[in-house]
N, C-alpha and C. Protein backbone atom coordinates (compact mmCIF):
# COMPACT_ATOMS: atom_id res chain seq x y z
N MET A 1 115.98 87.52 114.41
CA MET A 1 115.57 88.42 113.70
C MET A 1 114.44 88.82 113.76
N ILE A 2 113.60 88.03 114.49
CA ILE A 2 112.41 88.85 115.16
C ILE A 2 112.21 90.18 115.90
N ILE A 3 113.46 90.20 117.15
CA ILE A 3 113.51 91.57 117.83
C ILE A 3 114.05 92.79 116.01
N PHE A 4 115.10 91.86 115.24
CA PHE A 4 115.16 93.64 114.34
C PHE A 4 113.91 93.83 113.08
N ILE A 5 113.16 92.17 114.07
CA ILE A 5 112.48 93.07 112.35
C ILE A 5 111.20 94.12 113.58
N ARG A 6 110.91 93.66 114.34
CA ARG A 6 110.62 94.17 115.63
C ARG A 6 110.34 96.02 115.31
N LYS A 7 112.56 95.95 115.91
CA LYS A 7 112.56 97.46 115.97
C LYS A 7 111.99 98.13 115.17
N MET A 8 112.99 97.25 113.51
CA MET A 8 112.49 98.50 112.31
C MET A 8 111.35 99.28 112.60
N THR A 9 110.06 98.27 112.62
CA THR A 9 109.12 98.69 111.98
C THR A 9 108.66 100.45 112.94
N GLN A 10 110.01 100.04 114.42
CA GLN A 10 109.12 100.77 115.15
C GLN A 10 110.80 102.54 115.42
N ASN A 11 110.93 102.60 114.07
CA ASN A 11 112.26 103.02 113.21
C ASN A 11 111.44 104.12 112.30
N ARG A 12 111.90 105.64 112.24
CA ARG A 12 111.06 105.92 111.12
C ARG A 12 111.99 106.26 109.80
N ILE A 13 112.94 105.75 109.94
CA ILE A 13 113.94 105.26 108.76
C ILE A 13 113.51 104.28 107.94
N ALA A 14 112.68 103.38 108.93
CA ALA A 14 112.69 102.37 107.95
C ALA A 14 110.51 103.09 107.08
N TRP A 15 110.03 103.32 107.87
CA TRP A 15 108.98 104.17 107.11
C TRP A 15 109.08 105.19 106.29
N ALA A 16 110.71 105.54 106.19
CA ALA A 16 110.37 106.34 105.01
C ALA A 16 111.34 105.67 103.60
N VAL A 17 111.79 104.75 103.91
CA VAL A 17 112.72 104.47 102.99
C VAL A 17 110.48 104.04 102.64
N LEU A 18 110.31 102.83 102.25
CA LEU A 18 109.05 102.33 101.97
C LEU A 18 108.30 103.40 101.62
N LEU A 19 107.64 105.09 102.33
CA LEU A 19 107.72 106.27 101.21
C LEU A 19 108.54 106.57 100.07
N GLY A 20 109.54 106.70 100.52
CA GLY A 20 110.13 107.09 99.08
C GLY A 20 110.19 106.22 98.27
N SER A 21 109.66 104.99 98.33
CA SER A 21 109.66 103.71 97.24
C SER A 21 108.65 103.90 96.74
N THR A 22 107.17 104.24 97.20
CA THR A 22 105.98 104.52 96.55
C THR A 22 106.38 106.22 95.90
N LEU A 23 106.43 106.61 96.50
CA LEU A 23 106.80 108.13 95.95
C LEU A 23 107.35 108.24 94.58
N PHE A 24 108.60 107.09 93.96
CA PHE A 24 109.00 107.46 93.60
C PHE A 24 108.31 106.13 92.27
N LEU A 25 107.52 105.51 92.62
CA LEU A 25 106.82 104.54 91.93
C LEU A 25 105.67 105.20 91.47
N GLU A 26 104.93 106.84 92.55
CA GLU A 26 104.19 107.49 91.94
C GLU A 26 105.06 108.29 90.60
N LEU A 27 105.94 108.92 90.46
CA LEU A 27 106.92 109.99 89.71
C LEU A 27 107.46 109.05 88.49
N CYS A 28 107.49 107.78 88.57
CA CYS A 28 107.50 107.13 87.39
C CYS A 28 106.24 107.06 86.48
N ALA A 29 105.03 106.91 87.25
CA ALA A 29 103.77 107.20 86.06
C ALA A 29 103.57 108.11 86.01
N MET A 30 103.88 109.54 86.44
CA MET A 30 103.51 110.39 86.42
C MET A 30 105.17 111.53 85.24
N VAL A 31 105.39 110.19 85.44
CA VAL A 31 107.38 110.43 83.90
C VAL A 31 106.31 109.56 82.73
N PHE A 32 105.47 108.73 82.52
CA PHE A 32 104.90 107.51 82.58
C PHE A 32 103.65 108.28 80.75
N GLN A 33 103.32 109.26 81.52
CA GLN A 33 101.54 109.48 81.33
C GLN A 33 102.32 110.63 81.33
N HIS A 34 102.82 112.09 81.77
CA HIS A 34 103.53 113.24 80.89
C HIS A 34 103.87 113.25 80.14
N VAL A 35 105.52 112.73 80.15
CA VAL A 35 106.38 112.73 79.24
C VAL A 35 106.70 112.51 78.06
N MET A 36 106.47 111.03 78.55
CA MET A 36 106.41 110.38 77.37
C MET A 36 104.89 109.83 76.22
N GLY A 37 104.21 110.28 76.95
CA GLY A 37 102.40 110.34 76.67
C GLY A 37 102.01 108.72 76.45
N LEU A 38 102.13 108.43 77.78
CA LEU A 38 100.97 106.68 77.66
C LEU A 38 100.08 107.50 78.69
N GLN A 39 98.79 106.83 78.15
CA GLN A 39 97.65 106.87 78.33
C GLN A 39 96.89 105.77 79.93
N PRO A 40 96.86 106.20 80.94
CA PRO A 40 97.28 105.27 81.87
C PRO A 40 95.65 104.68 81.53
N CYS A 41 95.03 103.39 81.85
CA CYS A 41 94.10 102.90 81.47
C CYS A 41 93.26 102.69 83.24
N VAL A 42 92.04 102.00 82.99
CA VAL A 42 91.13 102.35 84.09
C VAL A 42 92.55 101.14 85.18
N LEU A 43 92.91 100.14 85.00
CA LEU A 43 93.32 99.75 86.11
C LEU A 43 94.23 100.09 86.66
N CYS A 44 95.34 100.83 85.72
CA CYS A 44 96.25 101.59 85.79
C CYS A 44 96.01 102.36 87.00
N ILE A 45 95.04 103.25 86.85
CA ILE A 45 94.81 103.73 87.99
C ILE A 45 94.43 103.59 88.81
N TYR A 46 93.18 102.54 88.72
CA TYR A 46 93.36 101.37 90.49
C TYR A 46 94.91 101.13 90.80
N GLN A 47 95.59 100.72 90.31
CA GLN A 47 96.79 100.33 90.62
C GLN A 47 97.68 101.46 90.96
N ARG A 48 97.50 103.07 90.36
CA ARG A 48 97.77 103.95 91.33
C ARG A 48 97.81 104.29 92.59
N VAL A 49 95.85 104.31 92.94
CA VAL A 49 95.49 104.14 93.93
C VAL A 49 96.09 103.50 95.27
N ALA A 50 95.81 102.12 94.49
CA ALA A 50 96.84 100.67 95.74
C ALA A 50 98.27 101.90 96.14
N VAL A 51 99.01 102.46 94.72
CA VAL A 51 100.42 102.33 95.49
C VAL A 51 100.09 103.61 97.07
N LEU A 52 98.82 104.47 96.12
CA LEU A 52 98.56 106.02 96.87
C LEU A 52 98.15 105.60 98.63
N GLY A 53 97.32 104.16 98.50
CA GLY A 53 96.73 103.25 99.68
C GLY A 53 98.10 102.47 100.73
N ILE A 54 99.41 102.03 100.16
CA ILE A 54 100.90 101.73 100.75
C ILE A 54 101.12 102.58 101.10
N MET A 55 101.85 104.35 100.24
CA MET A 55 102.03 105.52 100.79
C MET A 55 101.36 106.03 102.14
N ALA A 56 100.28 105.72 101.86
CA ALA A 56 98.94 106.87 103.92
C ALA A 56 99.50 105.51 104.55
N GLY A 57 99.66 104.28 104.27
CA GLY A 57 100.04 103.38 105.76
C GLY A 57 101.52 104.13 105.57
N ALA A 58 102.46 104.55 105.15
CA ALA A 58 103.83 104.38 105.36
C ALA A 58 104.23 106.20 105.75
N VAL A 59 103.60 106.91 105.62
CA VAL A 59 103.12 108.43 106.08
C VAL A 59 102.43 107.91 107.41
N ILE A 60 101.00 107.45 107.72
CA ILE A 60 101.12 107.00 109.49
C ILE A 60 101.85 106.15 110.37
N GLY A 61 102.61 104.99 109.50
CA GLY A 61 103.38 104.40 110.71
C GLY A 61 104.63 105.01 111.09
N PHE A 62 105.47 106.08 109.28
CA PHE A 62 106.52 107.42 109.87
C PHE A 62 105.79 108.49 110.91
N ILE A 63 104.33 109.29 111.44
CA ILE A 63 104.10 109.43 112.22
C ILE A 63 104.93 108.93 113.66
N ASN A 64 104.69 108.68 114.11
CA ASN A 64 104.93 108.09 115.50
C ASN A 64 105.32 106.63 115.29
N PRO A 65 106.17 105.51 114.58
CA PRO A 65 106.54 104.22 114.98
C PRO A 65 106.33 103.83 116.24
N LYS A 66 106.53 104.22 117.21
CA LYS A 66 106.35 103.54 118.70
C LYS A 66 105.11 103.38 119.33
N ASN A 67 104.49 104.42 118.92
CA ASN A 67 102.69 104.24 118.60
C ASN A 67 102.01 103.31 118.55
N MET A 68 101.43 101.84 119.45
CA MET A 68 101.37 101.35 118.80
C MET A 68 100.28 101.31 117.43
N LEU A 69 99.21 101.94 118.35
CA LEU A 69 97.81 102.05 116.93
C LEU A 69 98.51 102.26 116.04
N LEU A 70 98.93 103.89 115.68
CA LEU A 70 99.34 103.69 114.12
C LEU A 70 100.04 103.19 113.59
N ARG A 71 101.13 101.90 114.58
CA ARG A 71 102.31 101.30 113.44
C ARG A 71 101.58 100.14 112.65
N TRP A 72 100.99 99.52 113.40
CA TRP A 72 99.52 99.15 113.34
C TRP A 72 98.66 99.35 112.05
N SER A 73 98.39 100.25 112.12
CA SER A 73 97.41 100.43 111.28
C SER A 73 98.16 101.26 110.25
N GLY A 74 99.73 101.59 109.61
CA GLY A 74 99.89 101.28 109.00
C GLY A 74 100.71 100.06 108.09
N LEU A 75 100.80 99.63 109.26
CA LEU A 75 101.04 98.47 108.99
C LEU A 75 100.30 97.12 107.70
N LEU A 76 98.89 97.18 108.57
CA LEU A 76 97.57 96.88 107.91
C LEU A 76 96.98 97.52 106.77
N LEU A 77 97.65 98.83 106.82
CA LEU A 77 96.30 99.37 105.21
C LEU A 77 97.69 98.80 104.10
N TRP A 78 99.30 98.82 104.40
CA TRP A 78 100.21 98.73 103.69
C TRP A 78 100.06 97.65 103.30
N ALA A 79 100.16 96.35 103.58
CA ALA A 79 99.13 95.40 103.60
C ALA A 79 98.54 94.93 103.00
N TYR A 80 96.44 95.25 102.65
CA TYR A 80 95.36 95.64 101.92
C TYR A 80 96.13 95.84 100.69
N SER A 81 96.77 96.71 100.68
CA SER A 81 96.90 98.23 99.60
C SER A 81 97.65 97.03 98.31
N SER A 82 99.07 96.82 98.59
CA SER A 82 99.25 95.97 98.24
C SER A 82 98.99 94.39 97.80
N ILE A 83 98.40 93.81 98.65
CA ILE A 83 97.16 92.72 98.42
C ILE A 83 96.27 93.03 96.96
N GLN A 84 95.70 94.51 97.08
CA GLN A 84 94.84 95.06 96.12
C GLN A 84 95.16 95.28 94.82
N GLY A 85 96.85 96.25 94.86
CA GLY A 85 97.35 95.91 94.04
C GLY A 85 97.86 95.01 93.02
N LEU A 86 98.21 94.23 94.28
CA LEU A 86 99.33 92.87 92.64
C LEU A 86 97.63 92.31 92.25
N GLN A 87 96.66 92.02 92.85
CA GLN A 87 95.00 91.52 92.76
C GLN A 87 95.39 92.06 91.22
N ILE A 88 94.40 93.73 91.10
CA ILE A 88 94.68 94.80 89.90
C ILE A 88 95.69 94.63 89.07
N ALA A 89 96.90 94.28 89.13
CA ALA A 89 98.14 94.00 88.58
C ALA A 89 98.05 92.66 87.51
N LEU A 90 97.53 91.58 88.16
CA LEU A 90 98.37 90.32 87.95
C LEU A 90 95.98 90.37 86.93
N GLN A 91 94.68 90.94 87.04
CA GLN A 91 93.83 90.93 85.97
C GLN A 91 94.58 91.67 84.87
N GLN A 92 95.16 92.70 84.82
CA GLN A 92 95.52 93.41 83.71
C GLN A 92 96.24 92.64 83.14
N THR A 93 97.34 91.88 83.85
CA THR A 93 98.35 91.28 83.13
C THR A 93 97.35 90.19 81.90
N ASP A 94 96.20 89.45 82.70
CA ASP A 94 95.76 88.83 82.22
C ASP A 94 95.15 89.07 81.00
N ILE A 95 94.14 90.33 81.08
CA ILE A 95 93.73 91.01 79.97
C ILE A 95 94.80 91.77 78.42
N GLN A 96 95.86 91.85 78.60
CA GLN A 96 96.78 91.41 78.07
C GLN A 96 98.03 90.54 77.38
N LEU A 97 97.79 89.62 78.98
CA LEU A 97 98.36 88.09 77.78
C LEU A 97 97.60 87.88 76.74
N HIS A 98 96.38 87.36 76.79
CA HIS A 98 95.03 86.74 76.73
C HIS A 98 93.60 87.79 76.77
N PRO A 99 94.06 88.56 75.60
CA PRO A 99 93.44 89.09 74.96
C PRO A 99 91.66 88.63 74.37
N SER A 100 90.22 88.96 74.42
CA SER A 100 89.21 88.46 74.16
C SER A 100 88.26 89.98 74.74
N PRO A 101 87.35 89.24 73.77
CA PRO A 101 86.12 91.12 73.78
C PRO A 101 85.38 90.56 75.36
N PHE A 102 85.78 89.58 76.16
CA PHE A 102 85.30 89.22 77.01
C PHE A 102 85.86 89.58 78.15
N ASN A 103 87.25 89.22 77.93
CA ASN A 103 87.93 89.81 78.83
C ASN A 103 88.40 91.45 79.12
N THR A 104 87.51 92.15 79.45
CA THR A 104 88.12 93.60 79.10
C THR A 104 88.17 94.33 81.14
N CYS A 105 87.98 95.31 80.89
CA CYS A 105 88.04 96.52 81.72
C CYS A 105 86.87 96.98 81.62
N ASP A 106 86.61 98.09 83.04
CA ASP A 106 85.66 99.45 82.86
C ASP A 106 86.57 100.40 81.60
N LEU A 107 85.38 101.05 81.40
CA LEU A 107 85.47 101.99 80.11
C LEU A 107 85.85 102.95 81.31
N PHE A 108 85.42 103.71 82.49
CA PHE A 108 85.26 104.90 83.13
C PHE A 108 86.00 104.31 84.45
N VAL A 109 86.73 104.84 85.30
CA VAL A 109 86.76 105.23 86.06
C VAL A 109 85.97 104.98 87.81
N THR A 110 86.08 104.13 88.96
CA THR A 110 84.77 104.56 89.27
C THR A 110 85.27 104.48 90.68
N PHE A 111 84.97 105.79 91.17
CA PHE A 111 85.18 106.57 92.81
C PHE A 111 84.05 106.72 93.65
N PRO A 112 83.98 106.17 94.79
CA PRO A 112 83.28 106.85 95.61
C PRO A 112 82.32 108.16 94.93
N GLN A 113 80.59 108.47 95.23
CA GLN A 113 80.31 110.35 95.18
C GLN A 113 81.32 110.67 95.53
N TRP A 114 81.33 110.13 97.20
CA TRP A 114 82.64 111.47 98.60
C TRP A 114 83.47 111.68 97.83
N LEU A 115 84.06 110.68 96.62
CA LEU A 115 85.70 111.49 96.97
C LEU A 115 85.47 110.75 95.04
N PRO A 116 85.10 111.74 94.48
CA PRO A 116 84.94 111.31 93.25
C PRO A 116 86.42 112.10 92.03
N LEU A 117 87.87 111.21 92.65
CA LEU A 117 89.12 112.07 92.09
C LEU A 117 89.84 112.16 90.95
N ASN A 118 88.72 111.29 90.33
CA ASN A 118 89.10 111.61 88.55
C ASN A 118 88.67 113.08 88.15
N GLN A 119 87.21 113.72 89.30
CA GLN A 119 87.13 114.70 88.92
C GLN A 119 88.09 116.05 89.46
N TRP A 120 88.38 115.55 90.34
CA TRP A 120 88.98 116.60 90.93
C TRP A 120 90.50 116.99 90.61
N MET A 121 91.28 115.50 90.09
CA MET A 121 92.50 115.58 89.69
C MET A 121 92.61 115.16 88.10
N PRO A 122 92.23 115.57 87.65
CA PRO A 122 91.61 114.52 86.38
C PRO A 122 93.63 113.95 85.54
N TRP A 123 94.46 115.11 85.95
CA TRP A 123 95.69 114.90 85.46
C TRP A 123 96.22 113.47 85.87
N PHE A 124 95.94 113.49 87.16
CA PHE A 124 96.23 112.25 87.85
C PHE A 124 95.44 110.74 88.31
N PHE A 125 94.00 110.75 87.98
CA PHE A 125 93.34 110.06 88.32
C PHE A 125 92.11 109.67 87.37
N ASN A 126 92.41 109.74 85.65
CA ASN A 126 92.11 110.05 84.81
C ASN A 126 92.18 108.50 83.75
N GLY A 127 91.28 107.51 83.81
CA GLY A 127 92.48 106.38 82.85
C GLY A 127 91.72 106.21 81.93
N THR A 128 92.05 107.23 80.44
CA THR A 128 91.80 106.77 79.20
C THR A 128 92.30 106.35 78.54
N GLY A 129 92.79 105.68 78.36
CA GLY A 129 93.78 104.37 77.61
C GLY A 129 92.77 102.66 77.88
N ASP A 130 93.48 101.72 77.19
CA ASP A 130 92.89 100.66 77.05
C ASP A 130 93.41 99.68 77.72
N CYS A 131 92.68 98.76 78.49
CA CYS A 131 93.37 98.10 79.32
C CYS A 131 94.69 96.99 78.53
N SER A 132 94.08 96.38 77.51
CA SER A 132 94.47 95.02 76.29
C SER A 132 95.60 95.80 75.86
N GLU A 133 95.91 97.00 75.56
CA GLU A 133 96.79 97.53 74.83
C GLU A 133 98.17 97.65 75.88
N ILE A 134 99.76 97.53 75.21
CA ILE A 134 100.52 96.70 75.50
C ILE A 134 101.06 98.24 74.63
N GLN A 135 101.46 98.79 76.02
CA GLN A 135 102.40 100.68 75.59
C GLN A 135 103.88 100.72 75.90
N TRP A 136 104.29 99.38 76.64
CA TRP A 136 105.37 99.74 77.18
C TRP A 136 106.23 98.52 77.54
N GLN A 137 108.07 98.14 77.34
CA GLN A 137 107.87 97.43 77.91
C GLN A 137 109.40 97.24 78.25
N PHE A 138 109.52 96.36 78.97
CA PHE A 138 111.10 96.86 79.54
C PHE A 138 111.94 95.01 79.94
N LEU A 139 112.95 94.53 78.76
CA LEU A 139 113.15 93.10 79.09
C LEU A 139 112.24 92.21 79.16
N THR A 140 111.48 92.68 78.42
CA THR A 140 110.10 91.88 77.22
C THR A 140 108.86 91.15 78.22
N TRP A 141 108.86 92.51 79.52
CA TRP A 141 107.59 92.36 80.30
C TRP A 141 106.78 93.83 80.77
N THR A 142 105.78 93.07 80.30
CA THR A 142 105.17 94.84 80.14
C THR A 142 104.58 95.43 81.64
N MET A 143 104.45 96.23 81.54
CA MET A 143 104.02 97.84 82.89
C MET A 143 103.29 96.21 84.12
N PRO A 144 101.95 96.50 83.54
CA PRO A 144 101.26 95.10 85.13
C PRO A 144 102.76 94.62 85.14
N GLN A 145 103.12 93.76 84.24
CA GLN A 145 104.04 92.59 84.73
C GLN A 145 104.88 92.77 86.34
N TRP A 146 105.64 94.05 85.79
CA TRP A 146 107.09 94.70 86.50
C TRP A 146 105.90 95.14 87.41
N LEU A 147 104.93 95.21 88.05
CA LEU A 147 104.05 96.13 88.50
C LEU A 147 103.77 94.45 89.67
N ILE A 148 103.38 93.58 88.96
CA ILE A 148 103.19 92.55 89.84
C ILE A 148 104.59 91.81 90.29
N VAL A 149 105.77 92.54 90.18
CA VAL A 149 107.31 92.08 90.92
C VAL A 149 107.06 93.45 92.09
N ALA A 150 106.84 93.86 91.95
CA ALA A 150 106.76 95.28 92.53
C ALA A 150 105.92 95.21 94.37
N PHE A 151 104.49 95.12 93.27
CA PHE A 151 103.02 94.36 94.12
C PHE A 151 103.86 92.97 95.61
N GLY A 152 104.33 92.56 94.39
CA GLY A 152 104.90 91.44 95.42
C GLY A 152 105.58 90.99 96.17
N ILE A 153 106.80 92.25 96.51
CA ILE A 153 107.38 92.72 97.18
C ILE A 153 106.97 93.62 98.12
N TYR A 154 105.66 94.00 98.19
CA TYR A 154 105.65 94.71 99.51
C TYR A 154 104.33 94.05 99.83
N VAL A 155 103.80 92.98 99.45
CA VAL A 155 102.68 92.33 100.35
C VAL A 155 103.56 90.91 100.78
N ALA A 156 105.21 90.87 100.28
CA ALA A 156 105.99 89.55 100.98
C ALA A 156 106.68 90.22 102.25
N CYS A 157 107.18 91.23 101.87
CA CYS A 157 107.67 92.04 103.00
C CYS A 157 106.89 92.94 104.58
N SER A 158 105.31 93.10 103.55
CA SER A 158 104.35 93.57 104.93
C SER A 158 103.91 92.19 106.12
N PHE A 159 103.60 91.21 105.14
CA PHE A 159 103.63 89.31 106.12
C PHE A 159 105.35 89.69 106.70
N ILE A 160 105.87 90.27 106.06
CA ILE A 160 107.16 89.31 107.82
C ILE A 160 107.39 90.07 108.25
N ILE A 161 107.20 91.86 108.49
CA ILE A 161 106.67 92.37 109.40
C ILE A 161 105.74 92.10 110.02
N ILE A 162 104.81 91.67 109.90
CA ILE A 162 103.52 92.25 110.56
C ILE A 162 103.68 89.99 110.92
N SER A 163 104.25 89.32 110.51
CA SER A 163 104.51 88.77 111.45
C SER A 163 105.37 88.26 112.43
N GLY A 164 106.41 89.09 112.50
CA GLY A 164 107.66 90.05 113.56
C GLY A 164 106.91 90.29 114.86
N ASN A 165 106.43 91.05 114.10
CA ASN A 165 104.97 91.76 115.31
C ASN A 165 104.38 91.20 115.60
N LEU A 166 103.78 90.17 115.49
CA LEU A 166 103.41 89.40 115.91
C LEU A 166 103.23 88.36 117.01
N ILE A 167 104.88 87.75 116.22
CA ILE A 167 105.76 86.01 117.01
C ILE A 167 105.47 87.51 118.85
N LYS A 168 105.80 86.28 120.24
CA LYS A 168 106.27 87.05 120.89
C LYS A 168 108.04 86.45 120.98
N ARG A 169 108.41 86.89 121.84
CA ARG A 169 110.10 86.59 122.09
C ARG A 169 110.08 85.83 122.34
């Protein structure tokens, strides 16, 4: 099993599947925003950035999965972005399920001055919605609850794959 996991990360198909899943999530976000008219909140935008981090990790791993430096860079970026996304999804779910004037999110997205994504691409990185508002549900779960599932799967898979690459034969 360990050998299978190790070989899987040295194959472009696995990285392409990861890239495809993140691309699917980003396309869904665009449909929700620009087709269905749902306004993303600040935490939604940060979760988008976390998915883009996983996507960047997939691209790095896809470039040359046999190169140990690129493979490990992709794996670590995938794991880090997944954990950050999970934390943000948990925070937004808490805000939605326990509304309070003391439990809110920021009014505006905050990016570093050297990377003002919300100014460069406001159609993608500008959060205008309210974090506590439930705009969409599927099977009684809200969007951040579904993102907890998605990020949880990403975290679990990244940890299993990292462990498989760390364990010696």
